[in-house]
Amino acid sequence: MTTSARGHRAGDRYFCSFFEIALLQQRESMWSCGCINVGAPIFGAANVWAPTDHVVVWDKPSRPQWMDEATYRQLPDTLTLREMRFQVTPPGFRTDTIVVVTTLLDPEEVSVLDLADLYRARWQAELDLRALKTTMQMDILRSKTPAMVRKEMWAHLLAYNLIRTVMAQAAQQHDLPPREISFKGTVQTLAAFAP
């Protein structure tokens, strides 16, 4: 999950359910998430601002087993949400169409492009976690006690932030966005020059 400076949260497709969105709205949280298996969006319905942007109403489904009856009754019978569709065309990869559902209903305040950028930032968080787990080999912690596990995690996070600092400095020196520099390539370069 990613949070913008304005307190807006973005989640992946796992969070795209009536109950997740309704519970977050109870906490007065603005929300966007990728959407899958929610039913095909009907682009061309009423309340359309653009061919790929419209307001929809979701009806409350039956109570899931994990939710108690009191919580279920507190949730609204419907959610008014905004669905939008945009194309992602990363260089070297196939074009992907993504549908995002959001509680931000005003297209003048928040454009499709703004939400596409936020969703892309959420994906960067996934890549950052992958860098920690895979590239920095934090997927398996080797310590045996809780205190040592905490120290091991802090050491990984410190090393991660130091590597990101080197990447930011290199990006600034070459007038590049920091995300255009490979994390794994930076780790390999630092290891090669360490001796």
Protein backbone atom coordinates (compact mmCIF):
# COMPACT_ATOMS: atom_id res chain seq x y z
CA MET A 1 0.00 0.00 0.00
CA THR A 2 1.27 3.48 -0.86
CA THR A 3 0.24 6.77 0.76
CA SER A 4 0.48 10.09 -1.04
CA ALA A 5 1.28 13.41 0.59
CA ARG A 6 -2.46 14.19 0.72
CA GLY A 7 -3.26 11.05 2.73
CA HIS A 8 -4.64 9.14 -0.23
CA ARG A 9 -3.86 5.41 -0.13
CA ALA A 10 -3.33 3.09 -3.08
CA GLY A 11 -3.49 -0.68 -2.85
CA ASP A 12 -3.12 -3.59 -5.18
CA ARG A 13 -5.86 -5.79 -6.62
CA TYR A 14 -6.13 -7.82 -3.42
CA PHE A 15 -7.77 -4.82 -1.71
CA CYS A 16 -10.39 -4.23 -4.40
CA SER A 17 -13.45 -5.43 -2.53
CA PHE A 18 -16.57 -3.76 -1.23
CA PHE A 19 -15.66 -4.57 2.38
CA GLU A 20 -12.05 -3.35 2.25
CA ILE A 21 -13.10 -0.04 0.69
CA ALA A 22 -16.09 0.44 3.03
CA LEU A 23 -13.97 -0.25 6.14
CA LEU A 24 -11.32 2.23 4.97
CA GLN A 25 -13.99 4.85 4.27
CA GLN A 26 -15.20 4.47 7.86
CA ARG A 27 -11.72 5.65 8.88
CA GLU A 28 -12.14 8.66 6.56
CA SER A 29 -9.40 7.37 4.28
CA MET A 30 -9.32 8.21 0.56
CA TRP A 31 -8.62 5.07 -1.42
CA SER A 32 -7.67 3.70 -4.85
CA CYS A 33 -6.88 0.17 -5.88
CA GLY A 34 -6.37 -1.93 -8.97
CA CYS A 35 -9.45 -3.88 -9.90
CA ILE A 36 -9.91 -7.48 -10.99
CA ASN A 37 -12.90 -9.85 -10.98
CA VAL A 38 -15.30 -7.16 -9.82
CA GLY A 39 -17.43 -7.37 -12.92
CA ALA A 40 -16.66 -5.74 -16.22
CA PRO A 41 -16.65 -1.95 -16.01
CA ILE A 42 -19.31 -0.41 -18.25
CA PHE A 43 -17.48 2.46 -19.89
CA GLY A 44 -20.26 4.37 -21.53
CA ALA A 45 -22.70 4.40 -18.60
CA ALA A 46 -24.26 7.58 -17.21
CA ASN A 47 -21.99 9.98 -15.28
CA VAL A 48 -19.17 9.55 -17.81
CA TRP A 49 -16.53 12.29 -17.99
CA ALA A 50 -14.30 10.49 -20.46
CA PRO A 51 -14.53 7.21 -22.37
CA THR A 52 -12.39 5.61 -19.66
CA ASP A 53 -13.67 7.36 -16.51
CA HIS A 54 -17.07 7.05 -14.79
CA VAL A 55 -18.93 6.78 -11.48
CA VAL A 56 -20.49 3.45 -10.47
CA VAL A 57 -22.49 2.18 -7.50
CA TRP A 58 -21.51 -1.11 -5.88
CA ASP A 59 -24.16 -2.98 -3.85
CA LYS A 60 -23.14 -4.59 -0.56
CA PRO A 61 -22.63 -8.34 -1.05
CA SER A 62 -23.56 -11.03 1.48
CA ARG A 63 -21.66 -11.04 4.75
CA PRO A 64 -18.34 -12.88 4.47
CA GLN A 65 -17.48 -15.49 7.12
CA TRP A 66 -14.61 -13.44 8.55
CA MET A 67 -16.86 -10.45 9.37
CA ASP A 68 -19.15 -10.33 12.41
CA GLU A 69 -22.80 -9.38 12.02
CA ALA A 70 -22.49 -6.05 13.90
CA THR A 71 -19.69 -4.80 11.63
CA TYR A 72 -21.61 -5.94 8.56
CA ARG A 73 -24.73 -3.99 9.64
CA GLN A 74 -22.66 -0.80 10.17
CA LEU A 75 -21.44 -0.80 6.56
CA PRO A 76 -23.43 1.14 3.93
CA ASP A 77 -25.72 -0.72 1.53
CA THR A 78 -23.95 0.83 -1.46
CA LEU A 79 -20.63 2.47 -2.31
CA THR A 80 -20.37 5.22 -4.90
CA LEU A 81 -17.00 4.81 -6.58
CA ARG A 82 -15.14 5.98 -9.63
CA GLU A 83 -13.76 3.48 -12.12
CA MET A 84 -11.15 4.44 -14.65
CA ARG A 85 -9.12 2.57 -17.21
CA PHE A 86 -5.67 3.44 -18.50
CA GLN A 87 -2.93 1.84 -20.56
CA VAL A 88 0.49 1.02 -19.15
CA THR A 89 3.15 0.81 -21.82
CA PRO A 90 6.53 0.19 -20.17
CA PRO A 91 9.39 0.07 -22.70
CA GLY A 92 10.17 -3.50 -23.69
CA PHE A 93 6.98 -5.00 -22.24
CA ARG A 94 3.52 -5.65 -23.59
CA THR A 95 0.87 -3.00 -23.09
CA ASP A 96 -1.38 -3.70 -20.12
CA THR A 97 -4.80 -2.24 -19.41
CA ILE A 98 -5.44 -1.47 -15.75
CA VAL A 99 -8.76 -0.60 -14.16
CA VAL A 100 -8.51 1.45 -10.97
CA VAL A 101 -11.36 1.97 -8.52
CA THR A 102 -11.24 5.02 -6.24
CA THR A 103 -13.23 6.92 -3.66
CA LEU A 104 -11.97 10.19 -5.22
CA LEU A 105 -14.99 11.07 -7.35
CA ASP A 106 -14.11 14.53 -8.68
CA PRO A 107 -12.25 14.30 -12.03
CA GLU A 108 -11.31 17.98 -11.85
CA GLU A 109 -9.60 17.56 -8.49
CA VAL A 110 -7.87 14.26 -9.34
CA SER A 111 -7.32 13.28 -12.95
CA VAL A 112 -6.89 9.81 -14.42
CA LEU A 113 -3.23 10.69 -14.96
CA ASP A 114 -2.81 11.57 -11.26
CA LEU A 115 -4.25 8.22 -10.22
CA ALA A 116 -2.19 6.34 -12.82
CA ASP A 117 0.93 7.98 -11.35
CA LEU A 118 -0.11 7.00 -7.82
CA TYR A 119 -0.81 3.43 -8.92
CA ARG A 120 2.63 3.32 -10.57
CA ALA A 121 4.19 4.57 -7.30
CA ARG A 122 2.41 1.72 -5.51
CA TRP A 123 4.11 -0.69 -7.90
CA GLN A 124 7.47 0.85 -6.99
CA ALA A 125 6.79 -0.16 -3.37
CA GLU A 126 6.43 -3.76 -4.60
CA LEU A 127 9.76 -3.49 -6.41
CA ASP A 128 11.39 -2.04 -3.27
CA LEU A 129 10.17 -5.00 -1.22
CA ARG A 130 11.51 -7.37 -3.87
CA ALA A 131 14.89 -5.61 -3.70
CA LEU A 132 14.96 -6.09 0.07
CA LYS A 133 13.90 -9.71 -0.03
CA THR A 134 15.71 -10.98 -3.11
CA THR A 135 18.64 -8.73 -3.98
CA MET A 136 19.59 -8.13 -0.34
CA GLN A 137 18.67 -11.71 0.65
CA MET A 138 16.33 -10.65 3.43
CA ASP A 139 13.78 -13.31 2.46
CA ILE A 140 15.26 -15.65 5.08
CA LEU A 141 16.37 -14.18 8.40
CA ARG A 142 19.04 -16.31 10.05
CA SER A 143 18.88 -15.05 13.63
CA LYS A 144 17.37 -17.23 16.36
CA THR A 145 16.08 -14.71 18.93
CA PRO A 146 13.59 -11.86 18.50
CA ALA A 147 16.20 -9.29 19.55
CA MET A 148 18.69 -10.53 16.95
CA VAL A 149 15.99 -10.71 14.25
CA ARG A 150 15.22 -7.02 14.92
CA LYS A 151 18.93 -6.18 14.65
CA GLU A 152 19.22 -8.16 11.41
CA MET A 153 16.23 -6.32 9.95
CA TRP A 154 17.62 -2.92 10.99
CA ALA A 155 20.98 -3.82 9.40
CA HIS A 156 19.23 -4.73 6.13
CA LEU A 157 17.20 -1.50 6.17
CA LEU A 158 20.30 0.58 6.91
CA ALA A 159 22.19 -1.05 4.02
CA TYR A 160 19.15 -0.59 1.76
CA ASN A 161 18.94 3.12 2.56
CA LEU A 162 22.69 3.59 2.03
CA ILE A 163 22.40 1.93 -1.39
CA ARG A 164 19.42 4.13 -2.26
CA THR A 165 21.48 7.18 -1.21
CA VAL A 166 24.29 6.17 -3.59
CA MET A 167 21.69 5.71 -6.34
CA ALA A 168 20.16 9.14 -5.66
CA GLN A 169 23.59 10.80 -5.72
CA ALA A 170 24.50 9.07 -8.99
CA ALA A 171 21.14 10.03 -10.51
CA GLN A 172 21.58 13.66 -9.48
CA GLN A 173 25.11 13.76 -10.88
CA HIS A 174 23.89 12.44 -14.26
CA ASP A 175 20.58 14.35 -14.27
CA LEU A 176 18.45 11.18 -14.19
CA PRO A 177 15.40 10.18 -12.14
CA PRO A 178 16.63 7.87 -9.33
CA ARG A 179 14.19 5.13 -10.36
CA GLU A 180 15.99 4.78 -13.70
CA ILE A 181 19.04 3.35 -11.96
CA SER A 182 18.98 -0.38 -11.28
CA PHE A 183 19.05 -1.38 -7.61
CA LYS A 184 20.59 -4.76 -8.38
CA GLY A 185 23.14 -3.15 -10.72
CA THR A 186 24.09 -0.69 -7.98
CA VAL A 187 24.60 -3.52 -5.47
CA GLN A 188 26.75 -5.42 -7.99
CA THR A 189 28.82 -2.29 -8.76
CA LEU A 190 29.36 -1.55 -5.07
CA ALA A 191 30.41 -5.18 -4.46
CA ALA A 192 32.81 -5.06 -7.42
CA PHE A 193 34.51 -1.89 -6.13
CA ALA A 194 34.48 -2.87 -2.44
CA PRO A 195 37.98 -4.44 -2.43
